[in-house]
Protein backbone atom coordinates (compact mmCIF):
# COMPACT_ATOMS: atom_id res chain seq x y z
CA MET A 1 -64.30 4.68 109.06
CA ASN A 2 -60.50 4.12 108.37
CA VAL A 3 -60.05 1.12 106.20
CA GLU A 4 -56.85 -0.80 107.15
CA LEU A 5 -56.86 -3.12 104.21
CA PRO A 6 -55.29 -1.76 100.92
CA PHE A 7 -57.76 -1.86 98.04
CA ALA A 8 -55.47 -3.46 95.46
CA PRO A 9 -55.46 -6.94 96.81
CA VAL A 10 -59.25 -6.71 97.24
CA ASP A 11 -59.54 -5.61 93.73
CA THR A 12 -57.39 -8.57 92.69
CA ILE A 13 -59.78 -10.96 94.60
CA ILE A 14 -62.72 -9.40 92.77
CA ARG A 15 -61.03 -9.72 89.45
CA ARG A 16 -60.31 -13.36 89.81
CA ASN A 17 -64.01 -13.84 90.19
CA ALA A 18 -65.28 -11.49 87.63
CA ASP A 19 -64.06 -13.27 84.55
CA GLU A 20 -64.46 -10.69 81.70
CA LEU A 21 -66.24 -8.02 83.92
CA ARG A 22 -64.59 -4.88 84.88
CA VAL A 23 -64.27 -3.76 88.68
CA SER A 24 -65.04 -0.33 89.80
CA ALA A 25 -62.88 1.34 92.50
CA ASP A 26 -66.03 1.90 94.68
CA ALA A 27 -66.56 -2.04 94.61
CA SER A 28 -63.15 -2.62 95.90
CA GLU A 29 -63.55 -0.08 98.61
CA GLU A 30 -66.87 -1.46 99.63
CA LEU A 31 -65.71 -5.01 99.91
CA ALA A 32 -62.53 -3.87 101.84
CA LYS A 33 -64.87 -2.17 104.36
CA ARG A 34 -66.99 -5.40 104.53
CA ILE A 35 -63.86 -7.59 104.97
CA GLN A 36 -62.62 -5.30 107.76
CA ASP A 37 -65.89 -5.40 109.68
CA ARG A 38 -66.08 -9.29 109.30
CA GLY A 39 -62.46 -9.60 110.43
CA SER A 40 -63.04 -7.42 113.57
CA GLU A 41 -66.10 -9.47 114.38
CA LEU A 42 -64.33 -12.73 114.11
CA ALA A 43 -61.32 -11.42 116.31
CA THR A 44 -63.84 -10.41 118.87
CA GLU A 45 -65.35 -13.89 118.91
CA ALA A 46 -61.84 -15.43 118.93
CA ALA A 47 -60.82 -13.23 121.89
CA GLU A 48 -63.80 -14.53 123.85
CA ARG A 49 -62.76 -18.06 123.14
CA ALA A 50 -59.13 -17.37 124.22
CA ASP A 51 -60.37 -15.66 127.38
CA ALA A 52 -62.49 -18.60 128.24
CA ASP A 53 -59.43 -20.78 127.95
CA GLY A 54 -57.53 -18.43 130.24
CA ARG A 55 -55.17 -17.16 127.47
CA LYS A 56 -54.21 -13.68 126.29
CA THR A 57 -52.87 -14.83 122.86
CA LEU A 58 -55.33 -15.64 120.04
CA MET A 59 -54.36 -18.75 118.13
CA ALA A 60 -55.62 -20.17 114.84
CA GLU A 61 -57.93 -22.66 116.71
CA ASP A 62 -59.68 -19.59 118.26
CA PHE A 63 -60.78 -18.81 114.52
CA GLY A 64 -61.91 -22.46 113.94
CA VAL A 65 -58.80 -23.41 111.89
CA GLU A 66 -57.00 -26.62 112.41
CA THR A 67 -54.43 -26.46 109.64
CA VAL A 68 -52.92 -23.06 108.68
CA VAL A 69 -52.15 -22.35 105.01
CA ASP A 70 -48.96 -20.94 103.72
CA LYS A 71 -49.23 -17.31 103.78
CA GLU A 72 -47.31 -16.91 100.49
CA GLY A 73 -50.67 -18.26 98.79
CA LEU A 74 -52.66 -15.58 100.15
CA GLU A 75 -53.64 -12.37 98.35
CA LEU A 76 -54.56 -10.47 101.49
CA PRO A 77 -51.51 -9.19 103.26
CA VAL A 78 -51.03 -10.28 106.93
CA ALA A 79 -50.07 -7.09 108.49
CA PRO A 80 -53.25 -5.08 107.75
CA VAL A 81 -55.19 -8.32 108.76
CA ASP A 82 -53.25 -8.17 112.04
CA ARG A 83 -54.53 -4.49 112.50
CA ILE A 84 -57.98 -5.47 111.60
CA ALA A 85 -57.95 -8.10 114.26
CA ARG A 86 -56.96 -5.70 116.93
CA LEU A 87 -59.55 -2.95 116.11
CA GLU A 88 -62.21 -4.10 118.54
CA ILE A 89 -60.31 -6.35 121.02
CA ASP A 90 -58.68 -5.24 124.17
CA SER A 91 -55.01 -4.44 123.96
CA ARG A 92 -54.09 -7.00 126.47
CA TYR A 93 -54.58 -9.66 123.69
CA ARG A 94 -51.86 -10.70 121.42
CA VAL A 95 -52.51 -12.28 117.93
CA SER A 96 -50.11 -15.17 117.03
CA MET A 97 -48.80 -15.32 113.47
CA ASP A 98 -50.88 -18.46 112.77
CA ALA A 99 -53.90 -16.69 113.97
CA ARG A 100 -53.18 -13.70 111.60
CA ILE A 101 -52.73 -16.22 108.68
CA ALA A 102 -55.88 -18.02 109.54
CA LEU A 103 -57.78 -14.86 109.78
CA ALA A 104 -56.39 -13.83 106.40
CA ASP A 105 -57.42 -17.12 104.74
CA ILE A 106 -60.99 -16.78 106.21
CA LEU A 107 -61.28 -13.35 105.07
CA GLU A 108 -59.94 -14.20 101.58
CA ASP A 109 -62.55 -16.98 101.23
CA TYR A 110 -65.18 -14.51 102.57
CA ALA A 111 -64.12 -12.00 99.75
CA ASP A 112 -64.09 -14.76 97.12
CA ASN A 113 -67.77 -15.75 97.95
CA VAL A 114 -68.99 -12.06 97.84
CA ALA A 115 -67.02 -11.33 94.51
CA ARG A 116 -68.49 -14.35 92.97
CA ALA A 117 -71.87 -13.39 93.83
CA ALA A 118 -71.34 -9.64 92.92
CA ALA A 119 -70.28 -10.94 89.51
CA VAL A 120 -73.64 -12.82 89.12
CA LEU A 121 -75.48 -9.79 90.19
CA ALA A 122 -73.60 -7.55 87.61
CA ARG A 123 -74.27 -9.93 84.77
CA HIS A 124 -78.00 -10.22 85.93
CA ALA A 125 -78.32 -6.48 85.59
CA ASP A 126 -76.57 -6.70 82.11
CA ARG A 127 -73.57 -4.62 83.18
CA ARG A 128 -70.05 -5.05 82.27
CA THR A 129 -68.74 -3.57 85.56
CA ILE A 130 -69.10 -4.85 89.08
CA THR A 131 -69.88 -1.76 91.20
CA ASP A 132 -70.27 -1.15 94.93
CA ASP A 133 -74.13 -1.66 94.43
CA ASP A 134 -73.47 -5.25 93.62
CA ILE A 135 -71.54 -5.74 96.88
CA GLU A 136 -74.28 -4.02 98.76
CA THR A 137 -76.92 -5.96 97.12
CA TYR A 138 -75.15 -9.23 98.04
CA PHE A 139 -75.16 -8.20 101.77
CA SER A 140 -78.73 -7.04 101.52
CA LEU A 141 -79.93 -10.46 100.10
CA PHE A 142 -77.69 -12.81 101.80
CA GLU A 143 -76.59 -11.53 105.27
């Protein structure tokens, strides 16, 4: 699978939840893959909502967002999130800028939750590094 999301912002998200723990490159890669899967799934659901409303453009409301945050406050870049949104939806759909920002915000919250839990798992295992195993364990336990 080709991962659209750069690993650096994902690494930053993990580190802001890791306190004193280190972060392996594999952990960033695994979380980026999971974020991409989740984003693609959310975009597919949003496209179904837009289609039900007779629209071809995905809007922030299709992602359940009423107020769109300022994109400057996001760690995840909007352009790769746009590509993620388009992975599984028909090419006839467009994705508005507000929808891209809303999806980036949702995915960043998702990543924060996973990173926070992965840090707990690493500490519980008495390790100083968050690894891809911690990310995978989170998903096996909570999803």
